[in-house]
Amino acid sequence: MATNLRPLREAQGLTQYRLAKMSGVPQSTIWRIEAGEQDPGGSIAVALSDALGCSLDAFFDRTPPREAS
């Protein structure tokens, strides 16, 4: 599952190490997610998106469905 993790992190000038400290997610996990080797589970995605100050939709590069009119 693709994420916007690297661009979101880099846009804030954060290293993987700093994001790991802010989120409580191990740096090795952040590296594997950015490398496409691991999909973030729900609690990891929430921790990272909270630390980055973004929504889960932004984290996963997902456009929410539009409401029916």
PDB file of N, CA and C in Angstrom:
ATOM      1  N   MET A   1       0.855  -1.173   0.000  1.00  0.00           N
ATOM      2  CA  MET A   1       0.000   0.000   0.000  1.00  0.00           C
ATOM      3  C   MET A   1       0.902   1.238   0.000  1.00  0.00           C
ATOM      4  N   ALA A   2       0.753   2.058  -0.989  1.00  0.00           N
ATOM      5  CA  ALA A   2       1.594   3.247  -1.114  1.00  0.00           C
ATOM      6  C   ALA A   2       1.188   4.314  -0.102  1.00  0.00           C
ATOM      7  N   THR A   3       2.202   5.014   0.395  1.00  0.00           N
ATOM      8  CA  THR A   3       1.946   6.126   1.308  1.00  0.00           C
ATOM      9  C   THR A   3       2.695   7.358   0.824  1.00  0.00           C
ATOM     10  N   ASN A   4       2.335   8.482   1.380  1.00  0.00           N
ATOM     11  CA  ASN A   4       3.038   9.743   1.147  1.00  0.00           C
ATOM     12  C   ASN A   4       4.048  10.000   2.248  1.00  0.00           C
ATOM     13  N   LEU A   5       4.467   8.992   2.963  1.00  0.00           N
ATOM     14  CA  LEU A   5       5.294   9.182   4.140  1.00  0.00           C
ATOM     15  C   LEU A   5       6.551   9.994   3.839  1.00  0.00           C
ATOM     16  N   ARG A   6       7.333   9.592   2.872  1.00  0.00           N
ATOM     17  CA  ARG A   6       8.594  10.296   2.604  1.00  0.00           C
ATOM     18  C   ARG A   6       8.360  11.755   2.224  1.00  0.00           C
ATOM     19  N   PRO A   7       7.478  12.056   1.250  1.00  0.00           N
ATOM     20  CA  PRO A   7       7.288  13.477   0.923  1.00  0.00           C
ATOM     21  C   PRO A   7       6.740  14.301   2.087  1.00  0.00           C
ATOM     22  N   LEU A   8       5.846  13.724   2.873  1.00  0.00           N
ATOM     23  CA  LEU A   8       5.310  14.443   4.031  1.00  0.00           C
ATOM     24  C   LEU A   8       6.409  14.699   5.060  1.00  0.00           C
ATOM     25  N   ARG A   9       7.237  13.714   5.294  1.00  0.00           N
ATOM     26  CA  ARG A   9       8.332  13.851   6.256  1.00  0.00           C
ATOM     27  C   ARG A   9       9.345  14.882   5.781  1.00  0.00           C
ATOM     28  N   GLU A  10       9.746  14.763   4.516  1.00  0.00           N
ATOM     29  CA  GLU A  10      10.750  15.674   3.980  1.00  0.00           C
ATOM     30  C   GLU A  10      10.236  17.108   3.885  1.00  0.00           C
ATOM     31  N   ALA A  11       8.948  17.286   3.611  1.00  0.00           N
ATOM     32  CA  ALA A  11       8.363  18.630   3.533  1.00  0.00           C
ATOM     33  C   ALA A  11       8.471  19.362   4.870  1.00  0.00           C
ATOM     34  N   GLN A  12       8.521  18.594   5.952  1.00  0.00           N
ATOM     35  CA  GLN A  12       8.638  19.194   7.281  1.00  0.00           C
ATOM     36  C   GLN A  12      10.084  19.227   7.769  1.00  0.00           C
ATOM     37  N   GLY A  13      10.994  18.798   6.908  1.00  0.00           N
ATOM     38  CA  GLY A  13      12.407  18.814   7.263  1.00  0.00           C
ATOM     39  C   GLY A  13      12.780  17.817   8.345  1.00  0.00           C
ATOM     40  N   LEU A  14      12.021  16.727   8.423  1.00  0.00           N
ATOM     41  CA  LEU A  14      12.259  15.722   9.452  1.00  0.00           C
ATOM     42  C   LEU A  14      13.108  14.573   8.916  1.00  0.00           C
ATOM     43  N   THR A  15      14.005  14.101   9.738  1.00  0.00           N
ATOM     44  CA  THR A  15      14.728  12.870   9.420  1.00  0.00           C
ATOM     45  C   THR A  15      13.872  11.689   9.866  1.00  0.00           C
ATOM     46  N   GLN A  16      14.223  10.520   9.384  1.00  0.00           N
ATOM     47  CA  GLN A  16      13.530   9.321   9.856  1.00  0.00           C
ATOM     48  C   GLN A  16      13.717   9.173  11.359  1.00  0.00           C
ATOM     49  N   TYR A  17      14.908   9.479  11.847  1.00  0.00           N
ATOM     50  CA  TYR A  17      15.191   9.372  13.280  1.00  0.00           C
ATOM     51  C   TYR A  17      14.284  10.292  14.088  1.00  0.00           C
ATOM     52  N   ARG A  18      14.140  11.546  13.652  1.00  0.00           N
ATOM     53  CA  ARG A  18      13.308  12.510  14.389  1.00  0.00           C
ATOM     54  C   ARG A  18      11.844  12.082  14.361  1.00  0.00           C
ATOM     55  N   LEU A  19      11.354  11.640  13.188  1.00  0.00           N
ATOM     56  CA  LEU A  19       9.972  11.186  13.097  1.00  0.00           C
ATOM     57  C   LEU A  19       9.745   9.970  13.997  1.00  0.00           C
ATOM     58  N   ALA A  20      10.723   9.095  14.077  1.00  0.00           N
ATOM     59  CA  ALA A  20      10.614   7.931  14.955  1.00  0.00           C
ATOM     60  C   ALA A  20      10.452   8.377  16.406  1.00  0.00           C
ATOM     61  N   LYS A  21      11.233   9.351  16.823  1.00  0.00           N
ATOM     62  CA  LYS A  21      11.136   9.848  18.194  1.00  0.00           C
ATOM     63  C   LYS A  21       9.778  10.518  18.439  1.00  0.00           C
ATOM     64  N   MET A  22       9.291  11.269  17.462  1.00  0.00           N
ATOM     65  CA  MET A  22       8.013  11.978  17.612  1.00  0.00           C
ATOM     66  C   MET A  22       6.823  11.022  17.642  1.00  0.00           C
ATOM     67  N   SER A  23       6.903   9.950  16.871  1.00  0.00           N
ATOM     68  CA  SER A  23       5.752   9.063  16.685  1.00  0.00           C
ATOM     69  C   SER A  23       5.785   7.811  17.559  1.00  0.00           C
ATOM     70  N   GLY A  24       6.961   7.432  18.029  1.00  0.00           N
ATOM     71  CA  GLY A  24       7.086   6.171  18.763  1.00  0.00           C
ATOM     72  C   GLY A  24       7.179   4.961  17.856  1.00  0.00           C
ATOM     73  N   VAL A  25       7.293   5.188  16.548  1.00  0.00           N
ATOM     74  CA  VAL A  25       7.432   4.106  15.567  1.00  0.00           C
ATOM     75  C   VAL A  25       8.928   3.910  15.320  1.00  0.00           C
ATOM     76  N   PRO A  26       9.434   2.683  15.390  1.00  0.00           N
ATOM     77  CA  PRO A  26      10.872   2.474  15.177  1.00  0.00           C
ATOM     78  C   PRO A  26      11.347   3.004  13.821  1.00  0.00           C
ATOM     79  N   GLN A  27      12.552   3.560  13.822  1.00  0.00           N
ATOM     80  CA  GLN A  27      13.121   4.106  12.587  1.00  0.00           C
ATOM     81  C   GLN A  27      13.213   3.025  11.508  1.00  0.00           C
ATOM     82  N   SER A  28      13.525   1.803  11.892  1.00  0.00           N
ATOM     83  CA  SER A  28      13.623   0.722  10.906  1.00  0.00           C
ATOM     84  C   SER A  28      12.274   0.477  10.226  1.00  0.00           C
ATOM     85  N   THR A  29      11.185   0.644  10.966  1.00  0.00           N
ATOM     86  CA  THR A  29       9.849   0.488  10.388  1.00  0.00           C
ATOM     87  C   THR A  29       9.560   1.615   9.411  1.00  0.00           C
ATOM     88  N   ILE A  30       9.931   2.829   9.776  1.00  0.00           N
ATOM     89  CA  ILE A  30       9.740   3.975   8.874  1.00  0.00           C
ATOM     90  C   ILE A  30      10.521   3.744   7.582  1.00  0.00           C
ATOM     91  N   TRP A  31      11.767   3.267   7.704  1.00  0.00           N
ATOM     92  CA  TRP A  31      12.575   3.003   6.524  1.00  0.00           C
ATOM     93  C   TRP A  31      11.895   1.955   5.634  1.00  0.00           C
ATOM     94  N   ARG A  32      11.396   0.880   6.236  1.00  0.00           N
ATOM     95  CA  ARG A  32      10.752  -0.190   5.443  1.00  0.00           C
ATOM     96  C   ARG A  32       9.475   0.299   4.765  1.00  0.00           C
ATOM     97  N   ILE A  33       8.721   1.154   5.436  1.00  0.00           N
ATOM     98  CA  ILE A  33       7.505   1.706   4.819  1.00  0.00           C
ATOM     99  C   ILE A  33       7.889   2.580   3.637  1.00  0.00           C
ATOM    100  N   GLU A  34       8.870   3.458   3.834  1.00  0.00           N
ATOM    101  CA  GLU A  34       9.293   4.340   2.740  1.00  0.00           C
ATOM    102  C   GLU A  34       9.881   3.560   1.571  1.00  0.00           C
ATOM    103  N   ALA A  35      10.531   2.445   1.855  1.00  0.00           N
ATOM    104  CA  ALA A  35      11.126   1.615   0.800  1.00  0.00           C
ATOM    105  C   ALA A  35      10.097   0.711   0.130  1.00  0.00           C
ATOM    106  N   GLY A  36       8.871   0.702   0.633  1.00  0.00           N
ATOM    107  CA  GLY A  36       7.836  -0.145   0.058  1.00  0.00           C
ATOM    108  C   GLY A  36       7.933  -1.593   0.497  1.00  0.00           C
ATOM    109  N   GLU A  37       8.710  -1.860   1.532  1.00  0.00           N
ATOM    110  CA  GLU A  37       8.894  -3.225   2.014  1.00  0.00           C
ATOM    111  C   GLU A  37       7.909  -3.612   3.106  1.00  0.00           C
ATOM    112  N   GLN A  38       7.178  -2.650   3.638  1.00  0.00           N
ATOM    113  CA  GLN A  38       6.222  -2.933   4.705  1.00  0.00           C
ATOM    114  C   GLN A  38       5.033  -2.002   4.556  1.00  0.00           C
ATOM    115  N   ASP A  39       3.859  -2.559   4.742  1.00  0.00           N
ATOM    116  CA  ASP A  39       2.645  -1.739   4.783  1.00  0.00           C
ATOM    117  C   ASP A  39       2.403  -1.325   6.226  1.00  0.00           C
ATOM    118  N   PRO A  40       2.067  -0.059   6.434  1.00  0.00           N
ATOM    119  CA  PRO A  40       1.806   0.368   7.808  1.00  0.00           C
ATOM    120  C   PRO A  40       0.456  -0.153   8.283  1.00  0.00           C
ATOM    121  N   GLY A  41       0.451  -0.771   9.449  1.00  0.00           N
ATOM    122  CA  GLY A  41      -0.808  -1.200  10.053  1.00  0.00           C
ATOM    123  C   GLY A  41      -1.551   0.016  10.575  1.00  0.00           C
ATOM    124  N   GLY A  42      -2.759  -0.201  11.032  1.00  0.00           N
ATOM    125  CA  GLY A  42      -3.598   0.897  11.486  1.00  0.00           C
ATOM    126  C   GLY A  42      -2.974   1.757  12.561  1.00  0.00           C
ATOM    127  N   SER A  43      -2.428   1.131  13.616  1.00  0.00           N
ATOM    128  CA  SER A  43      -1.880   1.929  14.715  1.00  0.00           C
ATOM    129  C   SER A  43      -0.611   2.660  14.296  1.00  0.00           C
ATOM    130  N   ILE A  44       0.179   2.066  13.416  1.00  0.00           N
ATOM    131  CA  ILE A  44       1.388   2.733  12.927  1.00  0.00           C
ATOM    132  C   ILE A  44       1.006   3.908  12.035  1.00  0.00           C
ATOM    133  N   ALA A  45       0.051   3.715  11.146  1.00  0.00           N
ATOM    134  CA  ALA A  45      -0.393   4.794  10.266  1.00  0.00           C
ATOM    135  C   ALA A  45      -0.938   5.966  11.079  1.00  0.00           C
ATOM    136  N   VAL A  46      -1.706   5.672  12.114  1.00  0.00           N
ATOM    137  CA  VAL A  46      -2.260   6.736  12.963  1.00  0.00           C
ATOM    138  C   VAL A  46      -1.139   7.472  13.682  1.00  0.00           C
ATOM    139  N   ALA A  47      -0.182   6.739  14.250  1.00  0.00           N
ATOM    140  CA  ALA A  47       0.924   7.373  14.969  1.00  0.00           C
ATOM    141  C   ALA A  47       1.735   8.271  14.048  1.00  0.00           C
ATOM    142  N   LEU A  48       2.023   7.800  12.837  1.00  0.00           N
ATOM    143  CA  LEU A  48       2.809   8.599  11.901  1.00  0.00           C
ATOM    144  C   LEU A  48       2.033   9.808  11.394  1.00  0.00           C
ATOM    145  N   SER A  49       0.762   9.617  11.054  1.00  0.00           N
ATOM    146  CA  SER A  49      -0.017  10.756  10.555  1.00  0.00           C
ATOM    147  C   SER A  49      -0.230  11.788  11.658  1.00  0.00           C
ATOM    148  N   ASP A  50      -0.420  11.347  12.895  1.00  0.00           N
ATOM    149  CA  ASP A  50      -0.536  12.287  14.015  1.00  0.00           C
ATOM    150  C   ASP A  50       0.758  13.077  14.192  1.00  0.00           C
ATOM    151  N   ALA A  51       1.895  12.400  14.140  1.00  0.00           N
ATOM    152  CA  ALA A  51       3.184  13.078  14.307  1.00  0.00           C
ATOM    153  C   ALA A  51       3.443  14.067  13.168  1.00  0.00           C
ATOM    154  N   LEU A  52       2.951  13.730  11.977  1.00  0.00           N
ATOM    155  CA  LEU A  52       3.136  14.611  10.820  1.00  0.00           C
ATOM    156  C   LEU A  52       2.056  15.686  10.727  1.00  0.00           C
ATOM    157  N   GLY A  53       1.018  15.562  11.548  1.00  0.00           N
ATOM    158  CA  GLY A  53      -0.067  16.547  11.537  1.00  0.00           C
ATOM    159  C   GLY A  53      -0.903  16.492  10.275  1.00  0.00           C
ATOM    160  N   CYS A  54      -1.108  15.285   9.759  1.00  0.00           N
ATOM    161  CA  CYS A  54      -1.907  15.147   8.537  1.00  0.00           C
ATOM    162  C   CYS A  54      -3.001  14.101   8.757  1.00  0.00           C
ATOM    163  N   SER A  55      -3.960  14.104   7.870  1.00  0.00           N
ATOM    164  CA  SER A  55      -5.036  13.115   7.929  1.00  0.00           C
ATOM    165  C   SER A  55      -4.541  11.774   7.387  1.00  0.00           C
ATOM    166  N   LEU A  56      -5.274  10.722   7.695  1.00  0.00           N
ATOM    167  CA  LEU A  56      -4.943   9.422   7.112  1.00  0.00           C
ATOM    168  C   LEU A  56      -5.131   9.441   5.601  1.00  0.00           C
ATOM    169  N   ASP A  57      -6.105  10.210   5.109  1.00  0.00           N
ATOM    170  CA  ASP A  57      -6.285  10.329   3.655  1.00  0.00           C
ATOM    171  C   ASP A  57      -5.034  10.915   3.015  1.00  0.00           C
ATOM    172  N   ALA A  58      -4.472  11.954   3.616  1.00  0.00           N
ATOM    173  CA  ALA A  58      -3.243  12.554   3.078  1.00  0.00           C
ATOM    174  C   ALA A  58      -2.073  11.583   3.209  1.00  0.00           C
ATOM    175  N   PHE A  59      -1.999  10.875   4.323  1.00  0.00           N
ATOM    176  CA  PHE A  59      -0.915   9.920   4.546  1.00  0.00           C
ATOM    177  C   PHE A  59      -0.923   8.838   3.471  1.00  0.00           C
ATOM    178  N   PHE A  60      -2.105   8.333   3.147  1.00  0.00           N
ATOM    179  CA  PHE A  60      -2.222   7.265   2.153  1.00  0.00           C
ATOM    180  C   PHE A  60      -2.458   7.784   0.741  1.00  0.00           C
ATOM    181  N   ASP A  61      -2.374   9.115   0.550  1.00  0.00           N
ATOM    182  CA  ASP A  61      -2.586   9.721  -0.762  1.00  0.00           C
ATOM    183  C   ASP A  61      -3.924   9.283  -1.326  1.00  0.00           C
ATOM    184  N   ARG A  62      -4.945   9.412  -0.500  1.00  0.00           N
ATOM    185  CA  ARG A  62      -6.280   8.957  -0.864  1.00  0.00           C
ATOM    186  C   ARG A  62      -7.220  10.141  -0.912  1.00  0.00           C
ATOM    187  N   THR A  63      -7.981  10.238  -1.963  1.00  0.00           N
ATOM    188  CA  THR A  63      -9.011  11.256  -2.066  1.00  0.00           C
ATOM    189  C   THR A  63     -10.301  10.663  -1.532  1.00  0.00           C
ATOM    190  N   PRO A  64     -10.880  11.299  -0.500  1.00  0.00           N
ATOM    191  CA  PRO A  64     -12.107  10.729   0.045  1.00  0.00           C
ATOM    192  C   PRO A  64     -13.238  10.739  -0.994  1.00  0.00           C
ATOM    193  N   PRO A  65     -14.120   9.754  -0.923  1.00  0.00           N
ATOM    194  CA  PRO A  65     -15.242   9.738  -1.873  1.00  0.00           C
ATOM    195  C   PRO A  65     -16.130  10.952  -1.658  1.00  0.00           C
ATOM    196  N   ARG A  66     -16.686  11.422  -2.736  1.00  0.00           N
ATOM    197  CA  ARG A  66     -17.610  12.564  -2.655  1.00  0.00           C
ATOM    198  C   ARG A  66     -18.966  12.091  -2.201  1.00  0.00           C
ATOM    199  N   GLU A  67     -19.630  12.961  -1.465  1.00  0.00           N
ATOM    200  CA  GLU A  67     -20.977  12.626  -1.011  1.00  0.00           C
ATOM    201  C   GLU A  67     -21.957  12.750  -2.177  1.00  0.00           C
ATOM    202  N   ALA A  68     -22.944  11.872  -2.185  1.00  0.00           N
ATOM    203  CA  ALA A  68     -23.971  11.933  -3.226  1.00  0.00           C
ATOM    204  C   ALA A  68     -24.816  13.175  -3.020  1.00  0.00           C
ATOM    205  N   SER A  69     -25.156  13.828  -4.123  1.00  0.00           N
ATOM    206  CA  SER A  69     -25.983  15.035  -3.991  1.00  0.00           C
ATOM    207  C   SER A  69     -27.440  14.750  -4.190  1.00  0.00           C
TER     208      SER A  69
END
